[in-house]
């Protein structure tokens, strides 16, 4: 439920100013509302891949070196 609250706050406070700002969650929401499910799925897949790659990179860079 926490993530739904954060989405609501983003929707109300940050919003989406055309040509200026756009939160990823709002972009996905707008794509789904417009019936562009394929684009939304691709966007989520790319964002997930970037997040996982970032986590792996940070884990490798911060692991203790032996020897």
N, C-alpha and C. Protein backbone atom coordinates (compact mmCIF):
# COMPACT_ATOMS: atom_id res chain seq x y z
N UNK A 1 0.81 -1.19 0.00
CA UNK A 1 0.00 0.00 0.00
C UNK A 1 0.85 1.26 0.00
N UNK A 2 2.05 1.16 0.51
CA UNK A 2 2.92 2.33 0.58
C UNK A 2 3.20 2.89 -0.81
N UNK A 3 3.44 2.00 -1.77
CA UNK A 3 3.76 2.47 -3.12
C UNK A 3 2.56 3.16 -3.76
N UNK A 4 1.37 2.72 -3.44
CA UNK A 4 0.19 3.40 -3.97
C UNK A 4 0.08 4.81 -3.41
N UNK A 5 0.44 4.99 -2.14
CA UNK A 5 0.43 6.31 -1.54
C UNK A 5 1.45 7.22 -2.20
N UNK A 6 2.63 6.68 -2.46
CA UNK A 6 3.66 7.48 -3.11
C UNK A 6 3.23 7.87 -4.52
N UNK A 7 2.56 6.97 -5.22
CA UNK A 7 2.08 7.30 -6.56
C UNK A 7 1.08 8.45 -6.49
N UNK A 8 0.19 8.39 -5.52
CA UNK A 8 -0.80 9.45 -5.36
C UNK A 8 -0.16 10.79 -5.07
N UNK A 9 0.84 10.79 -4.21
CA UNK A 9 1.54 12.04 -3.90
C UNK A 9 2.25 12.56 -5.14
N UNK A 10 2.91 11.67 -5.87
CA UNK A 10 3.59 12.09 -7.11
C UNK A 10 2.59 12.68 -8.08
N UNK A 11 1.46 12.05 -8.20
CA UNK A 11 0.42 12.51 -9.12
C UNK A 11 -0.09 13.89 -8.73
N UNK A 12 -0.28 14.11 -7.43
CA UNK A 12 -0.86 15.37 -6.97
C UNK A 12 0.17 16.49 -6.84
N UNK A 13 1.37 16.18 -6.33
CA UNK A 13 2.34 17.22 -6.03
C UNK A 13 3.28 17.48 -7.21
N UNK A 14 3.97 16.43 -7.65
CA UNK A 14 4.96 16.61 -8.71
C UNK A 14 4.28 16.78 -10.06
N UNK A 15 3.26 15.98 -10.28
CA UNK A 15 2.53 16.07 -11.53
C UNK A 15 3.40 15.79 -12.74
N UNK A 16 2.92 16.19 -13.86
CA UNK A 16 3.64 16.01 -15.10
C UNK A 16 3.50 17.30 -15.89
N UNK A 17 4.54 18.09 -15.91
CA UNK A 17 4.51 19.36 -16.63
C UNK A 17 5.00 19.09 -18.05
N UNK A 18 4.14 19.22 -19.04
CA UNK A 18 4.51 18.90 -20.42
C UNK A 18 5.78 19.65 -20.85
N UNK A 19 6.73 18.90 -21.39
CA UNK A 19 7.97 19.49 -21.87
C UNK A 19 8.97 19.83 -20.79
N UNK A 20 8.61 19.58 -19.52
CA UNK A 20 9.51 19.97 -18.43
C UNK A 20 9.84 18.80 -17.51
N UNK A 21 8.82 18.23 -16.88
CA UNK A 21 9.05 17.12 -15.94
C UNK A 21 8.15 15.95 -16.28
N UNK A 22 8.61 14.78 -15.90
CA UNK A 22 7.79 13.59 -16.09
C UNK A 22 8.34 12.48 -15.22
N UNK A 23 7.60 12.08 -14.23
CA UNK A 23 8.00 10.98 -13.37
C UNK A 23 7.74 9.67 -14.11
N UNK A 24 8.61 8.70 -13.89
CA UNK A 24 8.47 7.42 -14.60
C UNK A 24 7.13 6.77 -14.29
N UNK A 25 6.71 6.82 -13.03
CA UNK A 25 5.44 6.20 -12.67
C UNK A 25 4.28 6.85 -13.40
N UNK A 26 4.35 8.17 -13.58
CA UNK A 26 3.28 8.85 -14.31
C UNK A 26 3.33 8.55 -15.79
N UNK A 27 4.53 8.39 -16.33
CA UNK A 27 4.65 8.04 -17.75
C UNK A 27 4.01 6.68 -18.00
N UNK A 28 4.28 5.73 -17.13
CA UNK A 28 3.69 4.39 -17.26
C UNK A 28 2.17 4.48 -17.13
N UNK A 29 1.71 5.22 -16.15
CA UNK A 29 0.27 5.39 -15.93
C UNK A 29 -0.40 5.99 -17.17
N UNK A 30 0.21 7.02 -17.73
CA UNK A 30 -0.37 7.67 -18.91
C UNK A 30 -0.39 6.73 -20.12
N UNK A 31 0.67 5.93 -20.28
CA UNK A 31 0.70 4.96 -21.38
C UNK A 31 -0.42 3.94 -21.23
N UNK A 32 -0.61 3.45 -20.01
CA UNK A 32 -1.67 2.47 -19.78
C UNK A 32 -3.05 3.07 -20.00
N UNK A 33 -3.24 4.31 -19.56
CA UNK A 33 -4.53 4.97 -19.75
C UNK A 33 -4.83 5.20 -21.23
N UNK A 34 -3.77 5.39 -22.03
CA UNK A 34 -3.95 5.64 -23.46
C UNK A 34 -4.05 4.34 -24.25
N UNK A 35 -3.97 3.20 -23.55
CA UNK A 35 -4.07 1.91 -24.24
C UNK A 35 -2.78 1.47 -24.90
N UNK A 36 -1.66 2.08 -24.53
CA UNK A 36 -0.36 1.72 -25.10
C UNK A 36 0.36 0.76 -24.16
N UNK A 37 -0.27 -0.40 -23.95
CA UNK A 37 0.25 -1.38 -23.00
C UNK A 37 1.63 -1.90 -23.38
N UNK A 38 1.86 -2.11 -24.65
CA UNK A 38 3.15 -2.61 -25.12
C UNK A 38 4.28 -1.64 -24.79
N UNK A 39 4.03 -0.35 -25.02
CA UNK A 39 5.04 0.67 -24.71
C UNK A 39 5.31 0.72 -23.21
N UNK A 40 4.25 0.63 -22.43
CA UNK A 40 4.40 0.65 -20.97
C UNK A 40 5.22 -0.55 -20.50
N UNK A 41 4.94 -1.70 -21.04
CA UNK A 41 5.68 -2.91 -20.67
C UNK A 41 7.15 -2.79 -21.06
N UNK A 42 7.42 -2.26 -22.23
CA UNK A 42 8.81 -2.07 -22.66
C UNK A 42 9.53 -1.07 -21.76
N UNK A 43 8.85 -0.01 -21.38
CA UNK A 43 9.43 1.00 -20.49
C UNK A 43 9.76 0.39 -19.13
N UNK A 44 8.84 -0.40 -18.60
CA UNK A 44 9.07 -1.07 -17.31
C UNK A 44 10.23 -2.05 -17.42
N UNK A 45 10.31 -2.78 -18.52
CA UNK A 45 11.40 -3.74 -18.71
C UNK A 45 12.76 -3.04 -18.76
N UNK A 46 12.83 -1.94 -19.49
CA UNK A 46 14.10 -1.19 -19.59
C UNK A 46 14.48 -0.61 -18.23
N UNK A 47 13.52 -0.03 -17.53
CA UNK A 47 13.80 0.54 -16.21
C UNK A 47 14.25 -0.53 -15.23
N UNK A 48 13.62 -1.70 -15.29
CA UNK A 48 14.00 -2.81 -14.40
C UNK A 48 15.41 -3.29 -14.72
N UNK A 49 15.73 -3.42 -15.99
CA UNK A 49 17.06 -3.86 -16.39
C UNK A 49 18.13 -2.87 -15.93
N UNK A 50 17.86 -1.58 -16.06
CA UNK A 50 18.81 -0.56 -15.60
C UNK A 50 18.98 -0.64 -14.09
N UNK A 51 17.90 -0.82 -13.37
CA UNK A 51 17.97 -0.90 -11.90
C UNK A 51 18.78 -2.13 -11.47
N UNK A 52 18.53 -3.28 -12.08
CA UNK A 52 19.26 -4.49 -11.73
C UNK A 52 20.73 -4.35 -12.08
N UNK A 53 21.03 -3.81 -13.25
CA UNK A 53 22.43 -3.61 -13.65
C UNK A 53 23.14 -2.66 -12.68
N UNK A 54 22.45 -1.63 -12.24
CA UNK A 54 23.03 -0.69 -11.29
C UNK A 54 23.34 -1.37 -9.96
N UNK A 55 22.42 -2.19 -9.49
CA UNK A 55 22.64 -2.92 -8.24
C UNK A 55 23.82 -3.87 -8.34
N UNK A 56 23.92 -4.59 -9.44
CA UNK A 56 25.03 -5.52 -9.64
C UNK A 56 26.34 -4.75 -9.70
N UNK A 57 26.38 -3.65 -10.42
CA UNK A 57 27.59 -2.84 -10.53
C UNK A 57 28.04 -2.31 -9.17
N UNK A 58 27.11 -1.77 -8.40
CA UNK A 58 27.45 -1.25 -7.08
C UNK A 58 27.95 -2.38 -6.18
N UNK A 59 27.31 -3.53 -6.24
CA UNK A 59 27.74 -4.67 -5.41
C UNK A 59 29.16 -5.10 -5.77
N UNK A 60 29.47 -5.11 -7.04
CA UNK A 60 30.82 -5.51 -7.46
C UNK A 60 31.87 -4.47 -7.12
N UNK A 61 31.51 -3.22 -7.21
CA UNK A 61 32.47 -2.16 -6.92
C UNK A 61 32.73 -2.00 -5.41
N UNK A 62 31.78 -2.41 -4.59
CA UNK A 62 31.93 -2.23 -3.15
C UNK A 62 32.32 -3.50 -2.40
N UNK A 63 32.45 -4.62 -3.10
CA UNK A 63 32.83 -5.85 -2.39
C UNK A 63 34.29 -5.76 -1.96
N UNK A 64 34.58 -6.29 -0.78
CA UNK A 64 35.97 -6.22 -0.28
C UNK A 64 36.92 -7.04 -1.16
N UNK A 65 38.08 -6.50 -1.36
CA UNK A 65 39.09 -7.17 -2.17
C UNK A 65 39.99 -7.99 -1.25
N UNK A 66 40.26 -9.21 -1.66
CA UNK A 66 41.11 -10.09 -0.86
C UNK A 66 42.45 -10.23 -1.59
N UNK A 67 43.51 -10.07 -0.84
CA UNK A 67 44.81 -10.35 -1.42
C UNK A 67 45.59 -9.18 -1.70
